[in-house]
Amino acid sequence: MKAHVKERLDALYDGITAMKREGLPVETIVPQGAIYLSAQFNLLGRTAGGEVLRTNDDIRKLLLHKAGLAIVPFQAFGLKGDTGWFRLSVGAVSMPDIRQGLVRLREVILSCGAAPAT
């Protein structure tokens, strides 16, 4: 079981890190065990569907409804303010779910006007 969790965490980490290398406004911390990955989606102030993303909750709703990703803002763990940092879990997802989710995540980020570096 640990090997499968590590495989899924590494895939999610690698996918988000690849987006960062591409120049998209994301950040992640190397997985440190358990079933969670910490990631920042630096979308505050960007526009999605004609609405400005002003809070972590705006980002959370966008990624849930448009990318199918359920994420938990760091405020749930006591962090003050809207920072774009979230916790993602790989406990109940498969590798195909992760691969497809990363594609949808990238598309949503691009739809917010975040262009890859050229």
PDB file of N, CA and C in Angstrom:
ATOM      1  N   MET A   1       0.820  -1.192   0.000  1.00  0.00           N
ATOM      2  CA  MET A   1       0.000   0.000   0.000  1.00  0.00           C
ATOM      3  C   MET A   1       0.871   1.265   0.000  1.00  0.00           C
ATOM      4  N   LYS A   2       1.931   1.267   0.823  1.00  0.00           N
ATOM      5  CA  LYS A   2       2.809   2.437   0.877  1.00  0.00           C
ATOM      6  C   LYS A   2       3.412   2.750  -0.484  1.00  0.00           C
ATOM      7  N   ALA A   3       3.794   1.713  -1.217  1.00  0.00           N
ATOM      8  CA  ALA A   3       4.392   1.921  -2.538  1.00  0.00           C
ATOM      9  C   ALA A   3       3.396   2.560  -3.496  1.00  0.00           C
ATOM     10  N   HIS A   4       2.130   2.157  -3.424  1.00  0.00           N
ATOM     11  CA  HIS A   4       1.109   2.728  -4.307  1.00  0.00           C
ATOM     12  C   HIS A   4       0.817   4.187  -3.948  1.00  0.00           C
ATOM     13  N   VAL A   5       0.784   4.486  -2.652  1.00  0.00           N
ATOM     14  CA  VAL A   5       0.584   5.869  -2.225  1.00  0.00           C
ATOM     15  C   VAL A   5       1.753   6.726  -2.690  1.00  0.00           C
ATOM     16  N   LYS A   6       2.978   6.235  -2.499  1.00  0.00           N
ATOM     17  CA  LYS A   6       4.162   6.979  -2.940  1.00  0.00           C
ATOM     18  C   LYS A   6       4.131   7.213  -4.446  1.00  0.00           C
ATOM     19  N   GLU A   7       3.725   6.206  -5.210  1.00  0.00           N
ATOM     20  CA  GLU A   7       3.634   6.350  -6.661  1.00  0.00           C
ATOM     21  C   GLU A   7       2.657   7.465  -7.033  1.00  0.00           C
ATOM     22  N   ARG A   8       1.509   7.503  -6.371  1.00  0.00           N
ATOM     23  CA  ARG A   8       0.507   8.526  -6.676  1.00  0.00           C
ATOM     24  C   ARG A   8       0.969   9.912  -6.220  1.00  0.00           C
ATOM     25  N   LEU A   9       1.571   9.994  -5.029  1.00  0.00           N
ATOM     26  CA  LEU A   9       2.095  11.278  -4.560  1.00  0.00           C
ATOM     27  C   LEU A   9       3.175  11.802  -5.497  1.00  0.00           C
ATOM     28  N   ASP A  10       4.083  10.928  -5.888  1.00  0.00           N
ATOM     29  CA  ASP A  10       5.167  11.337  -6.794  1.00  0.00           C
ATOM     30  C   ASP A  10       4.613  11.805  -8.130  1.00  0.00           C
ATOM     31  N   ALA A  11       3.590  11.115  -8.647  1.00  0.00           N
ATOM     32  CA  ALA A  11       2.996  11.509  -9.935  1.00  0.00           C
ATOM     33  C   ALA A  11       2.355  12.889  -9.834  1.00  0.00           C
ATOM     34  N   LEU A  12       1.646  13.142  -8.741  1.00  0.00           N
ATOM     35  CA  LEU A  12       1.015  14.444  -8.557  1.00  0.00           C
ATOM     36  C   LEU A  12       2.074  15.531  -8.387  1.00  0.00           C
ATOM     37  N   TYR A  13       3.074  15.253  -7.568  1.00  0.00           N
ATOM     38  CA  TYR A  13       4.170  16.204  -7.370  1.00  0.00           C
ATOM     39  C   TYR A  13       4.890  16.492  -8.690  1.00  0.00           C
ATOM     40  N   ASP A  14       5.231  15.441  -9.418  1.00  0.00           N
ATOM     41  CA  ASP A  14       5.941  15.611 -10.692  1.00  0.00           C
ATOM     42  C   ASP A  14       5.108  16.413 -11.687  1.00  0.00           C
ATOM     43  N   GLY A  15       3.793  16.157 -11.727  1.00  0.00           N
ATOM     44  CA  GLY A  15       2.930  16.883 -12.656  1.00  0.00           C
ATOM     45  C   GLY A  15       2.851  18.366 -12.341  1.00  0.00           C
ATOM     46  N   ILE A  16       2.710  18.697 -11.067  1.00  0.00           N
ATOM     47  CA  ILE A  16       2.640  20.113 -10.684  1.00  0.00           C
ATOM     48  C   ILE A  16       4.000  20.778 -10.863  1.00  0.00           C
ATOM     49  N   THR A  17       5.066  20.057 -10.559  1.00  0.00           N
ATOM     50  CA  THR A  17       6.418  20.598 -10.763  1.00  0.00           C
ATOM     51  C   THR A  17       6.670  20.865 -12.247  1.00  0.00           C
ATOM     52  N   ALA A  18       6.186  20.001 -13.110  1.00  0.00           N
ATOM     53  CA  ALA A  18       6.329  20.216 -14.559  1.00  0.00           C
ATOM     54  C   ALA A  18       5.602  21.489 -14.980  1.00  0.00           C
ATOM     55  N   MET A  19       4.430  21.738 -14.396  1.00  0.00           N
ATOM     56  CA  MET A  19       3.703  22.977 -14.710  1.00  0.00           C
ATOM     57  C   MET A  19       4.507  24.193 -14.260  1.00  0.00           C
ATOM     58  N   LYS A  20       5.139  24.081 -13.100  1.00  0.00           N
ATOM     59  CA  LYS A  20       5.977  25.191 -12.620  1.00  0.00           C
ATOM     60  C   LYS A  20       7.137  25.439 -13.583  1.00  0.00           C
ATOM     61  N   ARG A  21       7.800  24.360 -14.014  1.00  0.00           N
ATOM     62  CA  ARG A  21       8.910  24.511 -14.970  1.00  0.00           C
ATOM     63  C   ARG A  21       8.428  25.145 -16.275  1.00  0.00           C
ATOM     64  N   GLU A  22       7.183  24.906 -16.600  1.00  0.00           N
ATOM     65  CA  GLU A  22       6.581  25.474 -17.806  1.00  0.00           C
ATOM     66  C   GLU A  22       6.282  26.961 -17.634  1.00  0.00           C
ATOM     67  N   GLY A  23       6.363  27.452 -16.401  1.00  0.00           N
ATOM     68  CA  GLY A  23       6.124  28.865 -16.136  1.00  0.00           C
ATOM     69  C   GLY A  23       4.747  29.159 -15.582  1.00  0.00           C
ATOM     70  N   LEU A  24       3.968  28.131 -15.265  1.00  0.00           N
ATOM     71  CA  LEU A  24       2.645  28.365 -14.706  1.00  0.00           C
ATOM     72  C   LEU A  24       2.768  28.716 -13.219  1.00  0.00           C
ATOM     73  N   PRO A  25       1.795  29.462 -12.681  1.00  0.00           N
ATOM     74  CA  PRO A  25       1.891  29.969 -11.305  1.00  0.00           C
ATOM     75  C   PRO A  25       1.494  28.926 -10.252  1.00  0.00           C
ATOM     76  N   VAL A  26       2.307  27.907 -10.127  1.00  0.00           N
ATOM     77  CA  VAL A  26       2.078  26.844  -9.152  1.00  0.00           C
ATOM     78  C   VAL A  26       3.368  26.575  -8.399  1.00  0.00           C
ATOM     79  N   GLU A  27       3.208  25.990  -7.230  1.00  0.00           N
ATOM     80  CA  GLU A  27       4.344  25.616  -6.394  1.00  0.00           C
ATOM     81  C   GLU A  27       3.925  24.364  -5.642  1.00  0.00           C
ATOM     82  N   THR A  28       4.872  23.559  -5.256  1.00  0.00           N
ATOM     83  CA  THR A  28       4.561  22.389  -4.445  1.00  0.00           C
ATOM     84  C   THR A  28       5.742  22.055  -3.557  1.00  0.00           C
ATOM     85  N   ILE A  29       5.450  21.344  -2.503  1.00  0.00           N
ATOM     86  CA  ILE A  29       6.470  20.910  -1.555  1.00  0.00           C
ATOM     87  C   ILE A  29       6.653  19.406  -1.744  1.00  0.00           C
ATOM     88  N   VAL A  30       7.887  18.955  -1.730  1.00  0.00           N
ATOM     89  CA  VAL A  30       8.170  17.526  -1.877  1.00  0.00           C
ATOM     90  C   VAL A  30       7.321  16.743  -0.869  1.00  0.00           C
ATOM     91  N   PRO A  31       6.659  15.675  -1.326  1.00  0.00           N
ATOM     92  CA  PRO A  31       5.840  14.881  -0.401  1.00  0.00           C
ATOM     93  C   PRO A  31       6.666  14.406   0.789  1.00  0.00           C
ATOM     94  N   GLN A  32       6.046  14.487   1.967  1.00  0.00           N
ATOM     95  CA  GLN A  32       6.757  14.136   3.195  1.00  0.00           C
ATOM     96  C   GLN A  32       6.032  13.028   3.954  1.00  0.00           C
ATOM     97  N   GLY A  33       5.432  12.129   3.218  1.00  0.00           N
ATOM     98  CA  GLY A  33       4.744  11.023   3.860  1.00  0.00           C
ATOM     99  C   GLY A  33       3.248  11.203   3.836  1.00  0.00           C
ATOM    100  N   ALA A  34       2.562  10.314   4.501  1.00  0.00           N
ATOM    101  CA  ALA A  34       1.099  10.298   4.564  1.00  0.00           C
ATOM    102  C   ALA A  34       0.526  10.178   3.153  1.00  0.00           C
ATOM    103  N   ILE A  35      -0.622  10.783   2.931  1.00  0.00           N
ATOM    104  CA  ILE A  35      -1.292  10.685   1.628  1.00  0.00           C
ATOM    105  C   ILE A  35      -1.546  12.067   1.046  1.00  0.00           C
ATOM    106  N   TYR A  36      -0.839  13.078   1.557  1.00  0.00           N
ATOM    107  CA  TYR A  36      -1.131  14.458   1.190  1.00  0.00           C
ATOM    108  C   TYR A  36       0.031  15.136   0.476  1.00  0.00           C
ATOM    109  N   LEU A  37      -0.354  16.071  -0.398  1.00  0.00           N
ATOM    110  CA  LEU A  37       0.619  16.920  -1.067  1.00  0.00           C
ATOM    111  C   LEU A  37       0.191  18.363  -0.832  1.00  0.00           C
ATOM    112  N   SER A  38       1.137  19.217  -0.504  1.00  0.00           N
ATOM    113  CA  SER A  38       0.877  20.644  -0.359  1.00  0.00           C
ATOM    114  C   SER A  38       1.235  21.329  -1.668  1.00  0.00           C
ATOM    115  N   ALA A  39       0.304  22.170  -2.147  1.00  0.00           N
ATOM    116  CA  ALA A  39       0.534  22.858  -3.408  1.00  0.00           C
ATOM    117  C   ALA A  39      -0.072  24.256  -3.357  1.00  0.00           C
ATOM    118  N   GLN A  40       0.577  25.161  -4.063  1.00  0.00           N
ATOM    119  CA  GLN A  40       0.061  26.521  -4.185  1.00  0.00           C
ATOM    120  C   GLN A  40      -0.383  26.747  -5.618  1.00  0.00           C
ATOM    121  N   PHE A  41      -1.586  27.262  -5.738  1.00  0.00           N
ATOM    122  CA  PHE A  41      -2.117  27.685  -7.033  1.00  0.00           C
ATOM    123  C   PHE A  41      -2.236  29.191  -6.938  1.00  0.00           C
ATOM    124  N   ASN A  42      -1.253  29.880  -7.488  1.00  0.00           N
ATOM    125  CA  ASN A  42      -1.131  31.322  -7.336  1.00  0.00           C
ATOM    126  C   ASN A  42      -2.032  32.017  -8.357  1.00  0.00           C
ATOM    127  N   LEU A  43      -3.324  31.907  -8.111  1.00  0.00           N
ATOM    128  CA  LEU A  43      -4.317  32.428  -9.051  1.00  0.00           C
ATOM    129  C   LEU A  43      -5.062  33.644  -8.506  1.00  0.00           C
ATOM    130  N   LEU A  44      -4.739  34.072  -7.299  1.00  0.00           N
ATOM    131  CA  LEU A  44      -5.407  35.235  -6.726  1.00  0.00           C
ATOM    132  C   LEU A  44      -5.198  36.452  -7.624  1.00  0.00           C
ATOM    133  N   GLY A  45      -6.290  37.153  -7.907  1.00  0.00           N
ATOM    134  CA  GLY A  45      -6.241  38.323  -8.787  1.00  0.00           C
ATOM    135  C   GLY A  45      -6.443  37.998 -10.255  1.00  0.00           C
ATOM    136  N   ARG A  46      -6.385  36.720 -10.603  1.00  0.00           N
ATOM    137  CA  ARG A  46      -6.638  36.321 -11.990  1.00  0.00           C
ATOM    138  C   ARG A  46      -8.140  36.180 -12.196  1.00  0.00           C
ATOM    139  N   THR A  47      -8.548  36.098 -13.455  1.00  0.00           N
ATOM    140  CA  THR A  47      -9.963  36.017 -13.791  1.00  0.00           C
ATOM    141  C   THR A  47     -10.301  34.643 -14.334  1.00  0.00           C
ATOM    142  N   ALA A  48     -11.439  34.122 -13.873  1.00  0.00           N
ATOM    143  CA  ALA A  48     -11.951  32.843 -14.365  1.00  0.00           C
ATOM    144  C   ALA A  48     -13.440  33.012 -14.621  1.00  0.00           C
ATOM    145  N   GLY A  49     -13.863  32.768 -15.842  1.00  0.00           N
ATOM    146  CA  GLY A  49     -15.282  32.887 -16.167  1.00  0.00           C
ATOM    147  C   GLY A  49     -15.838  34.275 -15.909  1.00  0.00           C
ATOM    148  N   GLY A  50     -15.014  35.292 -16.107  1.00  0.00           N
ATOM    149  CA  GLY A  50     -15.448  36.661 -15.902  1.00  0.00           C
ATOM    150  C   GLY A  50     -15.414  37.132 -14.458  1.00  0.00           C
ATOM    151  N   GLU A  51     -15.025  36.257 -13.535  1.00  0.00           N
ATOM    152  CA  GLU A  51     -14.963  36.605 -12.114  1.00  0.00           C
ATOM    153  C   GLU A  51     -13.507  36.641 -11.644  1.00  0.00           C
ATOM    154  N   VAL A  52     -13.166  37.639 -10.858  1.00  0.00           N
ATOM    155  CA  VAL A  52     -11.826  37.735 -10.289  1.00  0.00           C
ATOM    156  C   VAL A  52     -11.723  36.769  -9.110  1.00  0.00           C
ATOM    157  N   LEU A  53     -10.647  36.010  -9.074  1.00  0.00           N
ATOM    158  CA  LEU A  53     -10.385  35.089  -7.973  1.00  0.00           C
ATOM    159  C   LEU A  53      -9.764  35.890  -6.829  1.00  0.00           C
ATOM    160  N   ARG A  54     -10.524  36.088  -5.763  1.00  0.00           N
ATOM    161  CA  ARG A  54     -10.091  36.952  -4.668  1.00  0.00           C
ATOM    162  C   ARG A  54      -9.686  36.187  -3.409  1.00  0.00           C
ATOM    163  N   THR A  55     -10.141  34.942  -3.299  1.00  0.00           N
ATOM    164  CA  THR A  55      -9.896  34.189  -2.070  1.00  0.00           C
ATOM    165  C   THR A  55      -9.502  32.752  -2.394  1.00  0.00           C
ATOM    166  N   ASN A  56      -8.966  32.076  -1.380  1.00  0.00           N
ATOM    167  CA  ASN A  56      -8.695  30.644  -1.538  1.00  0.00           C
ATOM    168  C   ASN A  56      -9.977  29.890  -1.857  1.00  0.00           C
ATOM    169  N   ASP A  57     -11.094  30.331  -1.285  1.00  0.00           N
ATOM    170  CA  ASP A  57     -12.347  29.644  -1.557  1.00  0.00           C
ATOM    171  C   ASP A  57     -12.742  29.796  -3.027  1.00  0.00           C
ATOM    172  N   ASP A  58     -12.464  30.939  -3.625  1.00  0.00           N
ATOM    173  CA  ASP A  58     -12.725  31.111  -5.062  1.00  0.00           C
ATOM    174  C   ASP A  58     -11.902  30.103  -5.871  1.00  0.00           C
ATOM    175  N   ILE A  59     -10.631  29.950  -5.506  1.00  0.00           N
ATOM    176  CA  ILE A  59      -9.756  28.995  -6.199  1.00  0.00           C
ATOM    177  C   ILE A  59     -10.253  27.574  -5.971  1.00  0.00           C
ATOM    178  N   ARG A  60     -10.605  27.261  -4.734  1.00  0.00           N
ATOM    179  CA  ARG A  60     -11.104  25.919  -4.403  1.00  0.00           C
ATOM    180  C   ARG A  60     -12.329  25.569  -5.247  1.00  0.00           C
ATOM    181  N   LYS A  61     -13.289  26.487  -5.319  1.00  0.00           N
ATOM    182  CA  LYS A  61     -14.507  26.243  -6.092  1.00  0.00           C
ATOM    183  C   LYS A  61     -14.187  26.086  -7.579  1.00  0.00           C
ATOM    184  N   LEU A  62     -13.307  26.929  -8.099  1.00  0.00           N
ATOM    185  CA  LEU A  62     -12.930  26.844  -9.507  1.00  0.00           C
ATOM    186  C   LEU A  62     -12.330  25.477  -9.823  1.00  0.00           C
ATOM    187  N   LEU A  63     -11.371  25.039  -9.015  1.00  0.00           N
ATOM    188  CA  LEU A  63     -10.707  23.767  -9.293  1.00  0.00           C
ATOM    189  C   LEU A  63     -11.641  22.581  -9.074  1.00  0.00           C
ATOM    190  N   LEU A  64     -12.583  22.707  -8.167  1.00  0.00           N
ATOM    191  CA  LEU A  64     -13.565  21.641  -7.969  1.00  0.00           C
ATOM    192  C   LEU A  64     -14.497  21.538  -9.171  1.00  0.00           C
ATOM    193  N   HIS A  65     -15.052  22.666  -9.587  1.00  0.00           N
ATOM    194  CA  HIS A  65     -16.067  22.646 -10.645  1.00  0.00           C
ATOM    195  C   HIS A  65     -15.491  22.515 -12.047  1.00  0.00           C
ATOM    196  N   LYS A  66     -14.320  23.051 -12.288  1.00  0.00           N
ATOM    197  CA  LYS A  66     -13.761  23.043 -13.644  1.00  0.00           C
ATOM    198  C   LYS A  66     -12.715  21.960 -13.869  1.00  0.00           C
ATOM    199  N   ALA A  67     -11.985  21.569 -12.817  1.00  0.00           N
ATOM    200  CA  ALA A  67     -10.944  20.552 -12.985  1.00  0.00           C
ATOM    201  C   ALA A  67     -11.299  19.248 -12.268  1.00  0.00           C
ATOM    202  N   GLY A  68     -12.356  19.272 -11.470  1.00  0.00           N
ATOM    203  CA  GLY A  68     -12.747  18.074 -10.744  1.00  0.00           C
ATOM    204  C   GLY A  68     -11.808  17.710  -9.609  1.00  0.00           C
ATOM    205  N   LEU A  69     -11.085  18.709  -9.088  1.00  0.00           N
ATOM    206  CA  LEU A  69     -10.141  18.471  -7.993  1.00  0.00           C
ATOM    207  C   LEU A  69     -10.725  18.997  -6.684  1.00  0.00           C
ATOM    208  N   ALA A  70     -10.790  18.151  -5.691  1.00  0.00           N
ATOM    209  CA  ALA A  70     -11.211  18.569  -4.359  1.00  0.00           C
ATOM    210  C   ALA A  70      -9.955  18.863  -3.555  1.00  0.00           C
ATOM    211  N   ILE A  71      -9.818  20.106  -3.131  1.00  0.00           N
ATOM    212  CA  ILE A  71      -8.623  20.541  -2.403  1.00  0.00           C
ATOM    213  C   ILE A  71      -9.055  21.249  -1.130  1.00  0.00           C
ATOM    214  N   VAL A  72      -8.184  21.258  -0.131  1.00  0.00           N
ATOM    215  CA  VAL A  72      -8.497  21.875   1.155  1.00  0.00           C
ATOM    216  C   VAL A  72      -7.538  23.046   1.377  1.00  0.00           C
ATOM    217  N   PRO A  73      -8.073  24.265   1.571  1.00  0.00           N
ATOM    218  CA  PRO A  73      -7.196  25.412   1.798  1.00  0.00           C
ATOM    219  C   PRO A  73      -6.473  25.296   3.135  1.00  0.00           C
ATOM    220  N   PHE A  74      -5.272  25.841   3.187  1.00  0.00           N
ATOM    221  CA  PHE A  74      -4.482  25.799   4.417  1.00  0.00           C
ATOM    222  C   PHE A  74      -5.176  26.496   5.587  1.00  0.00           C
ATOM    223  N   GLN A  75      -6.140  27.365   5.313  1.00  0.00           N
ATOM    224  CA  GLN A  75      -6.867  28.008   6.409  1.00  0.00           C
ATOM    225  C   GLN A  75      -7.546  26.964   7.294  1.00  0.00           C
ATOM    226  N   ALA A  76      -7.909  25.817   6.720  1.00  0.00           N
ATOM    227  CA  ALA A  76      -8.546  24.752   7.507  1.00  0.00           C
ATOM    228  C   ALA A  76      -7.592  24.203   8.569  1.00  0.00           C
ATOM    229  N   PHE A  77      -6.297  24.480   8.415  1.00  0.00           N
ATOM    230  CA  PHE A  77      -5.283  23.991   9.353  1.00  0.00           C
ATOM    231  C   PHE A  77      -4.678  25.122  10.175  1.00  0.00           C
ATOM    232  N   GLY A  78      -5.321  26.297  10.124  1.00  0.00           N
ATOM    233  CA  GLY A  78      -4.909  27.403  10.980  1.00  0.00           C
ATOM    234  C   GLY A  78      -4.120  28.518  10.319  1.00  0.00           C
ATOM    235  N   LEU A  79      -3.753  28.386   9.044  1.00  0.00           N
ATOM    236  CA  LEU A  79      -3.013  29.457   8.375  1.00  0.00           C
ATOM    237  C   LEU A  79      -3.943  30.643   8.147  1.00  0.00           C
ATOM    238  N   LYS A  80      -3.483  31.812   8.459  1.00  0.00           N
ATOM    239  CA  LYS A  80      -4.283  33.023   8.273  1.00  0.00           C
ATOM    240  C   LYS A  80      -4.114  33.539   6.843  1.00  0.00           C
ATOM    241  N   GLY A  81      -5.154  34.098   6.312  1.00  0.00           N
ATOM    242  CA  GLY A  81      -5.089  34.778   5.025  1.00  0.00           C
ATOM    243  C   GLY A  81      -5.205  33.851   3.825  1.00  0.00           C
ATOM    244  N   ASP A  82      -5.408  34.476   2.701  1.00  0.00           N
ATOM    245  CA  ASP A  82      -5.530  33.769   1.429  1.00  0.00           C
ATOM    246  C   ASP A  82      -4.168  33.754   0.746  1.00  0.00           C
ATOM    247  N   THR A  83      -3.581  32.578   0.668  1.00  0.00           N
ATOM    248  CA  THR A  83      -2.223  32.438   0.151  1.00  0.00           C
ATOM    249  C   THR A  83      -2.149  31.593  -1.113  1.00  0.00           C
ATOM    250  N   GLY A  84      -3.265  30.941  -1.456  1.00  0.00           N
ATOM    251  CA  GLY A  84      -3.248  30.041  -2.600  1.00  0.00           C
ATOM    252  C   GLY A  84      -2.706  28.657  -2.274  1.00  0.00           C
ATOM    253  N   TRP A  85      -2.395  28.397  -0.987  1.00  0.00           N
ATOM    254  CA  TRP A  85      -1.867  27.085  -0.585  1.00  0.00           C
ATOM    255  C   TRP A  85      -2.996  26.147  -0.190  1.00  0.00           C
ATOM    256  N   PHE A  86      -2.867  24.883  -0.661  1.00  0.00           N
ATOM    257  CA  PHE A  86      -3.887  23.870  -0.437  1.00  0.00           C
ATOM    258  C   PHE A  86      -3.244  22.524  -0.140  1.00  0.00           C
ATOM    259  N   ARG A  87      -4.046  21.632   0.411  1.00  0.00           N
ATOM    260  CA  ARG A  87      -3.641  20.244   0.616  1.00  0.00           C
ATOM    261  C   ARG A  87      -4.462  19.380  -0.328  1.00  0.00           C
ATOM    262  N   LEU A  88      -3.773  18.473  -1.008  1.00  0.00           N
ATOM    263  CA  LEU A  88      -4.411  17.514  -1.911  1.00  0.00           C
ATOM    264  C   LEU A  88      -4.151  16.118  -1.371  1.00  0.00           C
ATOM    265  N   SER A  89      -5.131  15.247  -1.498  1.00  0.00           N
ATOM    266  CA  SER A  89      -4.989  13.876  -1.022  1.00  0.00           C
ATOM    267  C   SER A  89      -4.984  12.915  -2.205  1.00  0.00           C
ATOM    268  N   VAL A  90      -4.134  11.892  -2.110  1.00  0.00           N
ATOM    269  CA  VAL A  90      -4.114  10.839  -3.139  1.00  0.00           C
ATOM    270  C   VAL A  90      -4.680   9.537  -2.579  1.00  0.00           C
ATOM    271  N   GLY A  91      -5.321   9.619  -1.426  1.00  0.00           N
ATOM    272  CA  GLY A  91      -5.804   8.417  -0.760  1.00  0.00           C
ATOM    273  C   GLY A  91      -6.880   7.653  -1.505  1.00  0.00           C
ATOM    274  N   ALA A  92      -7.702   8.331  -2.266  1.00  0.00           N
ATOM    275  CA  ALA A  92      -8.847   7.662  -2.905  1.00  0.00           C
ATOM    276  C   ALA A  92      -8.847   7.833  -4.422  1.00  0.00           C
ATOM    277  N   VAL A  93      -7.681   8.045  -5.011  1.00  0.00           N
ATOM    278  CA  VAL A  93      -7.613   8.234  -6.459  1.00  0.00           C
ATOM    279  C   VAL A  93      -6.638   7.240  -7.083  1.00  0.00           C
ATOM    280  N   SER A  94      -6.862   6.979  -8.346  1.00  0.00           N
ATOM    281  CA  SER A  94      -6.000   6.054  -9.085  1.00  0.00           C
ATOM    282  C   SER A  94      -4.983   6.843  -9.903  1.00  0.00           C
ATOM    283  N   MET A  95      -4.016   6.148 -10.446  1.00  0.00           N
ATOM    284  CA  MET A  95      -3.041   6.806 -11.326  1.00  0.00           C
ATOM    285  C   MET A  95      -3.735   7.431 -12.542  1.00  0.00           C
ATOM    286  N   PRO A  96      -4.678   6.739 -13.200  1.00  0.00           N
ATOM    287  CA  PRO A  96      -5.384   7.408 -14.308  1.00  0.00           C
ATOM    288  C   PRO A  96      -6.120   8.671 -13.849  1.00  0.00           C
ATOM    289  N   ASP A  97      -6.714   8.636 -12.642  1.00  0.00           N
ATOM    290  CA  ASP A  97      -7.380   9.830 -12.109  1.00  0.00           C
ATOM    291  C   ASP A  97      -6.385  10.983 -11.978  1.00  0.00           C
ATOM    292  N   ILE A  98      -5.198  10.677 -11.485  1.00  0.00           N
ATOM    293  CA  ILE A  98      -4.181  11.720 -11.298  1.00  0.00           C
ATOM    294  C   ILE A  98      -3.734  12.281 -12.641  1.00  0.00           C
ATOM    295  N   ARG A  99      -3.442  11.401 -13.587  1.00  0.00           N
ATOM    296  CA  ARG A  99      -3.005  11.879 -14.909  1.00  0.00           C
ATOM    297  C   ARG A  99      -4.070  12.761 -15.558  1.00  0.00           C
ATOM    298  N   GLN A 100      -5.326  12.333 -15.519  1.00  0.00           N
ATOM    299  CA  GLN A 100      -6.409  13.116 -16.117  1.00  0.00           C
ATOM    300  C   GLN A 100      -6.633  14.420 -15.344  1.00  0.00           C
ATOM    301  N   GLY A 101      -6.533  14.344 -14.022  1.00  0.00           N
ATOM    302  CA  GLY A 101      -6.699  15.543 -13.196  1.00  0.00           C
ATOM    303  C   GLY A 101      -5.636  16.583 -13.475  1.00  0.00           C
ATOM    304  N   LEU A 102      -4.411  16.150 -13.710  1.00  0.00           N
ATOM    305  CA  LEU A 102      -3.330  17.091 -14.022  1.00  0.00           C
ATOM    306  C   LEU A 102      -3.577  17.791 -15.352  1.00  0.00           C
ATOM    307  N   VAL A 103      -4.105  17.073 -16.324  1.00  0.00           N
ATOM    308  CA  VAL A 103      -4.443  17.683 -17.619  1.00  0.00           C
ATOM    309  C   VAL A 103      -5.518  18.748 -17.425  1.00  0.00           C
ATOM    310  N   ARG A 104      -6.556  18.401 -16.668  1.00  0.00           N
ATOM    311  CA  ARG A 104      -7.645  19.364 -16.424  1.00  0.00           C
ATOM    312  C   ARG A 104      -7.138  20.558 -15.617  1.00  0.00           C
ATOM    313  N   LEU A 105      -6.291  20.311 -14.621  1.00  0.00           N
ATOM    314  CA  LEU A 105      -5.726  21.388 -13.812  1.00  0.00           C
ATOM    315  C   LEU A 105      -4.954  22.363 -14.690  1.00  0.00           C
ATOM    316  N   ARG A 106      -4.117  21.849 -15.546  1.00  0.00           N
ATOM    317  CA  ARG A 106      -3.328  22.709 -16.444  1.00  0.00           C
ATOM    318  C   ARG A 106      -4.243  23.552 -17.321  1.00  0.00           C
ATOM    319  N   GLU A 107      -5.292  22.937 -17.866  1.00  0.00           N
ATOM    320  CA  GLU A 107      -6.236  23.661 -18.728  1.00  0.00           C
ATOM    321  C   GLU A 107      -6.928  24.791 -17.970  1.00  0.00           C
ATOM    322  N   VAL A 108      -7.331  24.527 -16.727  1.00  0.00           N
ATOM    323  CA  VAL A 108      -7.992  25.559 -15.926  1.00  0.00           C
ATOM    324  C   VAL A 108      -7.030  26.699 -15.633  1.00  0.00           C
ATOM    325  N   ILE A 109      -5.807  26.372 -15.257  1.00  0.00           N
ATOM    326  CA  ILE A 109      -4.822  27.421 -14.980  1.00  0.00           C
ATOM    327  C   ILE A 109      -4.580  28.273 -16.219  1.00  0.00           C
ATOM    328  N   LEU A 110      -4.455  27.632 -17.361  1.00  0.00           N
ATOM    329  CA  LEU A 110      -4.266  28.378 -18.608  1.00  0.00           C
ATOM    330  C   LEU A 110      -5.486  29.251 -18.915  1.00  0.00           C
ATOM    331  N   SER A 111      -6.676  28.766 -18.584  1.00  0.00           N
ATOM    332  CA  SER A 111      -7.903  29.547 -18.866  1.00  0.00           C
ATOM    333  C   SER A 111      -7.986  30.796 -18.000  1.00  0.00           C
ATOM    334  N   CYS A 112      -7.197  30.856 -16.941  1.00  0.00           N
ATOM    335  CA  CYS A 112      -7.163  32.036 -16.060  1.00  0.00           C
ATOM    336  C   CYS A 112      -6.136  33.052 -16.532  1.00  0.00           C
ATOM    337  N   GLY A 113      -5.610  32.845 -17.710  1.00  0.00           N
ATOM    338  CA  GLY A 113      -4.664  33.807 -18.272  1.00  0.00           C
ATOM    339  C   GLY A 113      -3.214  33.566 -17.899  1.00  0.00           C
ATOM    340  N   ALA A 114      -2.938  32.427 -17.280  1.00  0.00           N
ATOM    341  CA  ALA A 114      -1.563  32.091 -16.939  1.00  0.00           C
ATOM    342  C   ALA A 114      -0.928  31.421 -18.149  1.00  0.00           C
ATOM    343  N   ALA A 115      -0.036  32.109 -18.812  1.00  0.00           N
ATOM    344  CA  ALA A 115       0.587  31.571 -20.010  1.00  0.00           C
ATOM    345  C   ALA A 115       1.908  30.904 -19.694  1.00  0.00           C
ATOM    346  N   PRO A 116       2.197  29.788 -20.365  1.00  0.00           N
ATOM    347  CA  PRO A 116       3.496  29.140 -20.171  1.00  0.00           C
ATOM    348  C   PRO A 116       4.622  30.077 -20.612  1.00  0.00           C
ATOM    349  N   ALA A 117       5.768  29.900 -20.008  1.00  0.00           N
ATOM    350  CA  ALA A 117       6.946  30.684 -20.419  1.00  0.00           C
ATOM    351  C   ALA A 117       7.346  30.268 -21.824  1.00  0.00           C
ATOM    352  N   THR A 118       7.801  31.238 -22.576  1.00  0.00           N
ATOM    353  CA  THR A 118       8.210  30.931 -23.960  1.00  0.00           C
ATOM    354  C   THR A 118       9.703  30.927 -24.097  1.00  0.00           C
TER     355      THR A 118
END
